Amino acid sequence: MGLRKMIVTDTFLILTALIYIKIVRLKGVKMKTPMDLVLEAKQEIPEVSVDELKGKLDRDDNLVLIDVREGEEFSQGCIPSAIHMSRGTLEFQIGSQVPNQDQEIVLYCAAGARSLLAAQSLEKMGYKSLFSVEGGFRQWLDEGYEVASVEY
């Protein structure tokens, strides 16, 4: 495809998107914000406190703990026994890492928002026993719990 044709195609797509957005706004349809999505997920996904998670880990409950933070965040330390699947690759990795859709899965991120959205996504994929850590890794740190060092 020639450069001129690519520019025309891209321009058409951009104009179409702008027109669509304008129509949506004129019709009064409110576009959701990221926080709207997080609040919706909060209604669907149960949360566990870091104290509850610590208790589960101390009892060796049969759970899979998934850190959905980005690699750079994960490399700075994680909750002991966590496996890393960043939010952007989670849906592609989960089937091979956790094939049992009945397995209890606890997800966490830095503050608790990404893990809620990640759990909601896994729920749509058929996973049934999902929890998000309220307050995330920051809350874990604030409580003074052990942090595992990571070679990433």
C-alpha atoms as a PDB file:
ATOM      1  CA  MET A   1       0.000   0.000   0.000  1.00  0.00           C
ATOM      2  CA  GLY A   2       1.407   3.356  -0.955  1.00  0.00           C
ATOM      3  CA  LEU A   3       2.102   6.112   1.526  1.00  0.00           C
ATOM      4  CA  ARG A   4      -0.682   8.303   0.121  1.00  0.00           C
ATOM      5  CA  LYS A   5      -3.257   5.512   0.447  1.00  0.00           C
ATOM      6  CA  MET A   6      -2.122   4.788   4.045  1.00  0.00           C
ATOM      7  CA  ILE A   7      -2.507   8.465   4.960  1.00  0.00           C
ATOM      8  CA  VAL A   8      -5.995   8.585   3.434  1.00  0.00           C
ATOM      9  CA  THR A   9      -6.985   5.369   5.254  1.00  0.00           C
ATOM     10  CA  ASP A  10      -5.613   6.587   8.590  1.00  0.00           C
ATOM     11  CA  THR A  11      -7.309   9.963   8.163  1.00  0.00           C
ATOM     12  CA  PHE A  12     -10.626   8.237   7.387  1.00  0.00           C
ATOM     13  CA  LEU A  13     -10.338   6.046  10.501  1.00  0.00           C
ATOM     14  CA  ILE A  14      -9.519   9.011  12.719  1.00  0.00           C
ATOM     15  CA  LEU A  15     -12.422  11.062  11.343  1.00  0.00           C
ATOM     16  CA  THR A  16     -14.792   8.116  11.757  1.00  0.00           C
ATOM     17  CA  ALA A  17     -13.722   7.712  15.386  1.00  0.00           C
ATOM     18  CA  LEU A  18     -14.145  11.437  16.073  1.00  0.00           C
ATOM     19  CA  ILE A  19     -17.618  11.438  14.512  1.00  0.00           C
ATOM     20  CA  TYR A  20     -18.580   8.386  16.584  1.00  0.00           C
ATOM     21  CA  ILE A  21     -17.392  10.064  19.787  1.00  0.00           C
ATOM     22  CA  LYS A  22     -19.331  13.223  18.906  1.00  0.00           C
ATOM     23  CA  ILE A  23     -22.519  11.213  18.240  1.00  0.00           C
ATOM     24  CA  VAL A  24     -22.113   9.327  21.508  1.00  0.00           C
ATOM     25  CA  ARG A  25     -21.720  12.600  23.401  1.00  0.00           C
ATOM     26  CA  LEU A  26     -24.708  14.196  21.632  1.00  0.00           C
ATOM     27  CA  LYS A  27     -26.864  11.217  22.569  1.00  0.00           C
ATOM     28  CA  GLY A  28     -25.835  11.701  26.184  1.00  0.00           C
ATOM     29  CA  VAL A  29     -24.108   8.363  26.507  1.00  0.00           C
ATOM     30  CA  LYS A  30     -21.548   8.689  29.267  1.00  0.00           C
ATOM     31  CA  MET A  31     -18.245   7.041  28.486  1.00  0.00           C
ATOM     32  CA  LYS A  32     -16.849   5.113  31.453  1.00  0.00           C
ATOM     33  CA  THR A  33     -13.692   6.216  33.152  1.00  0.00           C
ATOM     34  CA  PRO A  34     -11.064   3.772  34.424  1.00  0.00           C
ATOM     35  CA  MET A  35     -12.335   4.424  37.951  1.00  0.00           C
ATOM     36  CA  ASP A  36     -15.876   3.504  36.847  1.00  0.00           C
ATOM     37  CA  LEU A  37     -14.519   0.155  35.679  1.00  0.00           C
ATOM     38  CA  VAL A  38     -12.665  -0.389  38.951  1.00  0.00           C
ATOM     39  CA  LEU A  39     -15.791   0.428  40.989  1.00  0.00           C
ATOM     40  CA  GLU A  40     -17.806  -2.052  38.921  1.00  0.00           C
ATOM     41  CA  ALA A  41     -15.156  -4.733  39.464  1.00  0.00           C
ATOM     42  CA  LYS A  42     -15.195  -3.960  43.197  1.00  0.00           C
ATOM     43  CA  GLN A  43     -18.896  -4.916  43.210  1.00  0.00           C
ATOM     44  CA  GLU A  44     -18.188  -8.271  41.533  1.00  0.00           C
ATOM     45  CA  ILE A  45     -14.847  -9.420  42.938  1.00  0.00           C
ATOM     46  CA  PRO A  46     -14.358 -10.188  46.640  1.00  0.00           C
ATOM     47  CA  GLU A  47     -11.374  -8.555  48.289  1.00  0.00           C
ATOM     48  CA  VAL A  48      -9.149  -9.931  51.026  1.00  0.00           C
ATOM     49  CA  SER A  49      -7.141  -7.790  53.401  1.00  0.00           C
ATOM     50  CA  VAL A  50      -3.388  -8.240  53.624  1.00  0.00           C
ATOM     51  CA  ASP A  51      -3.944  -9.690  57.105  1.00  0.00           C
ATOM     52  CA  GLU A  52      -6.311 -12.312  55.659  1.00  0.00           C
ATOM     53  CA  LEU A  53      -3.811 -13.095  52.907  1.00  0.00           C
ATOM     54  CA  LYS A  54      -0.992 -13.428  55.429  1.00  0.00           C
ATOM     55  CA  GLY A  55      -3.135 -15.893  57.396  1.00  0.00           C
ATOM     56  CA  LYS A  56      -3.854 -17.934  54.270  1.00  0.00           C
ATOM     57  CA  LEU A  57      -0.150 -18.043  53.412  1.00  0.00           C
ATOM     58  CA  ASP A  58       0.828 -18.971  56.974  1.00  0.00           C
ATOM     59  CA  ARG A  59      -1.706 -21.840  56.939  1.00  0.00           C
ATOM     60  CA  ASP A  60      -0.416 -22.991  53.544  1.00  0.00           C
ATOM     61  CA  ASP A  61      -3.910 -22.698  52.090  1.00  0.00           C
ATOM     62  CA  ASN A  62      -4.093 -24.180  48.627  1.00  0.00           C
ATOM     63  CA  LEU A  63      -4.063 -20.949  46.643  1.00  0.00           C
ATOM     64  CA  VAL A  64      -2.214 -19.427  43.745  1.00  0.00           C
ATOM     65  CA  LEU A  65      -0.939 -15.921  44.436  1.00  0.00           C
ATOM     66  CA  ILE A  66      -0.466 -13.836  41.296  1.00  0.00           C
ATOM     67  CA  ASP A  67       1.336 -10.503  41.111  1.00  0.00           C
ATOM     68  CA  VAL A  68      -0.104  -8.586  38.142  1.00  0.00           C
ATOM     69  CA  ARG A  69       2.252  -5.608  38.392  1.00  0.00           C
ATOM     70  CA  GLU A  70       4.630  -4.780  35.568  1.00  0.00           C
ATOM     71  CA  GLY A  71       8.004  -6.533  35.449  1.00  0.00           C
ATOM     72  CA  GLU A  72       9.895  -3.498  36.731  1.00  0.00           C
ATOM     73  CA  GLU A  73       7.599  -3.281  39.763  1.00  0.00           C
ATOM     74  CA  PHE A  74       7.844  -7.027  40.405  1.00  0.00           C
ATOM     75  CA  SER A  75      11.643  -6.934  40.235  1.00  0.00           C
ATOM     76  CA  GLN A  76      11.699  -4.589  43.228  1.00  0.00           C
ATOM     77  CA  GLY A  77      10.194  -7.283  45.439  1.00  0.00           C
ATOM     78  CA  CYS A  78       7.011  -9.258  45.839  1.00  0.00           C
ATOM     79  CA  ILE A  79       4.876 -11.124  48.348  1.00  0.00           C
ATOM     80  CA  PRO A  80       6.549 -14.482  49.083  1.00  0.00           C
ATOM     81  CA  SER A  81       5.256 -17.371  46.916  1.00  0.00           C
ATOM     82  CA  ALA A  82       3.769 -15.015  44.313  1.00  0.00           C
ATOM     83  CA  ILE A  83       4.093 -15.841  40.658  1.00  0.00           C
ATOM     84  CA  HIS A  84       4.349 -13.013  38.164  1.00  0.00           C
ATOM     85  CA  MET A  85       1.888 -12.516  35.329  1.00  0.00           C
ATOM     86  CA  SER A  86       1.660  -8.861  34.389  1.00  0.00           C
ATOM     87  CA  ARG A  87      -1.775  -7.409  33.751  1.00  0.00           C
ATOM     88  CA  GLY A  88      -0.979  -7.149  30.047  1.00  0.00           C
ATOM     89  CA  THR A  89      -0.151 -10.850  29.607  1.00  0.00           C
ATOM     90  CA  LEU A  90      -2.284 -12.506  32.289  1.00  0.00           C
ATOM     91  CA  GLU A  91      -5.038 -13.790  30.021  1.00  0.00           C
ATOM     92  CA  PHE A  92      -2.467 -15.357  27.694  1.00  0.00           C
ATOM     93  CA  GLN A  93      -0.469 -17.081  30.464  1.00  0.00           C
ATOM     94  CA  ILE A  94      -3.121 -18.173  32.962  1.00  0.00           C
ATOM     95  CA  GLY A  95      -4.254 -21.323  31.139  1.00  0.00           C
ATOM     96  CA  SER A  96      -0.820 -22.906  31.182  1.00  0.00           C
ATOM     97  CA  GLN A  97       0.055 -21.711  34.687  1.00  0.00           C
ATOM     98  CA  VAL A  98      -3.309 -22.422  36.358  1.00  0.00           C
ATOM     99  CA  PRO A  99      -5.305 -24.897  34.249  1.00  0.00           C
ATOM    100  CA  ASN A 100      -7.812 -25.690  37.028  1.00  0.00           C
ATOM    101  CA  GLN A 101     -10.548 -23.068  36.848  1.00  0.00           C
ATOM    102  CA  ASP A 102     -11.745 -24.034  40.359  1.00  0.00           C
ATOM    103  CA  GLN A 103      -8.353 -23.234  41.914  1.00  0.00           C
ATOM    104  CA  GLU A 104      -8.420 -20.398  44.457  1.00  0.00           C
ATOM    105  CA  ILE A 105      -6.533 -17.459  42.946  1.00  0.00           C
ATOM    106  CA  VAL A 106      -5.542 -14.316  44.830  1.00  0.00           C
ATOM    107  CA  LEU A 107      -4.310 -11.425  42.705  1.00  0.00           C
ATOM    108  CA  TYR A 108      -2.537  -8.265  43.741  1.00  0.00           C
ATOM    109  CA  CYS A 109      -1.015  -5.180  42.180  1.00  0.00           C
ATOM    110  CA  ALA A 110       0.449  -2.017  43.695  1.00  0.00           C
ATOM    111  CA  ALA A 111      -2.754  -0.578  45.194  1.00  0.00           C
ATOM    112  CA  GLY A 112      -5.616  -2.941  44.333  1.00  0.00           C
ATOM    113  CA  ALA A 113      -7.159  -1.505  41.165  1.00  0.00           C
ATOM    114  CA  ARG A 114      -5.388  -3.527  38.453  1.00  0.00           C
ATOM    115  CA  SER A 115      -5.866  -6.744  40.417  1.00  0.00           C
ATOM    116  CA  LEU A 116      -9.636  -6.135  40.569  1.00  0.00           C
ATOM    117  CA  LEU A 117      -9.755  -5.671  36.792  1.00  0.00           C
ATOM    118  CA  ALA A 118      -7.516  -8.713  36.294  1.00  0.00           C
ATOM    119  CA  ALA A 119      -9.759 -10.865  38.489  1.00  0.00           C
ATOM    120  CA  GLN A 120     -12.810  -9.656  36.602  1.00  0.00           C
ATOM    121  CA  SER A 121     -11.162 -10.686  33.345  1.00  0.00           C
ATOM    122  CA  LEU A 122     -10.326 -14.149  34.704  1.00  0.00           C
ATOM    123  CA  GLU A 123     -13.909 -14.503  35.879  1.00  0.00           C
ATOM    124  CA  LYS A 124     -15.057 -13.902  32.299  1.00  0.00           C
ATOM    125  CA  MET A 125     -12.649 -16.677  31.242  1.00  0.00           C
ATOM    126  CA  GLY A 126     -14.374 -19.125  33.593  1.00  0.00           C
ATOM    127  CA  TYR A 127     -12.247 -18.978  36.753  1.00  0.00           C
ATOM    128  CA  LYS A 128     -14.472 -19.261  39.800  1.00  0.00           C
ATOM    129  CA  SER A 129     -12.564 -18.661  43.036  1.00  0.00           C
ATOM    130  CA  LEU A 130     -11.005 -15.230  42.610  1.00  0.00           C
ATOM    131  CA  PHE A 131      -9.924 -12.639  45.145  1.00  0.00           C
ATOM    132  CA  SER A 132      -8.138  -9.305  44.950  1.00  0.00           C
ATOM    133  CA  VAL A 133      -5.890  -7.990  47.712  1.00  0.00           C
ATOM    134  CA  GLU A 134      -7.344  -4.793  49.119  1.00  0.00           C
ATOM    135  CA  GLY A 135      -4.653  -2.100  49.144  1.00  0.00           C
ATOM    136  CA  GLY A 136      -2.286  -4.304  47.144  1.00  0.00           C
ATOM    137  CA  PHE A 137       1.461  -4.547  47.623  1.00  0.00           C
ATOM    138  CA  ARG A 138       1.632  -1.073  49.186  1.00  0.00           C
ATOM    139  CA  GLN A 139      -0.635  -2.217  52.010  1.00  0.00           C
ATOM    140  CA  TRP A 140       1.474  -5.379  52.413  1.00  0.00           C
ATOM    141  CA  LEU A 141       4.544  -3.142  52.810  1.00  0.00           C
ATOM    142  CA  ASP A 142       2.739  -0.769  55.180  1.00  0.00           C
ATOM    143  CA  GLU A 143       1.905  -3.711  57.456  1.00  0.00           C
ATOM    144  CA  GLY A 144       5.594  -4.643  57.559  1.00  0.00           C
ATOM    145  CA  TYR A 145       5.167  -8.129  56.141  1.00  0.00           C
ATOM    146  CA  GLU A 146       8.027 -10.018  54.519  1.00  0.00           C
ATOM    147  CA  VAL A 147       8.997  -9.129  50.967  1.00  0.00           C
ATOM    148  CA  ALA A 148      10.717 -11.625  48.709  1.00  0.00           C
ATOM    149  CA  SER A 149      13.559 -10.429  46.527  1.00  0.00           C
ATOM    150  CA  VAL A 150      13.261 -11.273  42.876  1.00  0.00           C
ATOM    151  CA  GLU A 151      15.784 -11.955  40.149  1.00  0.00           C
ATOM    152  CA  TYR A 152      13.950 -10.823  37.071  1.00  0.00           C
END
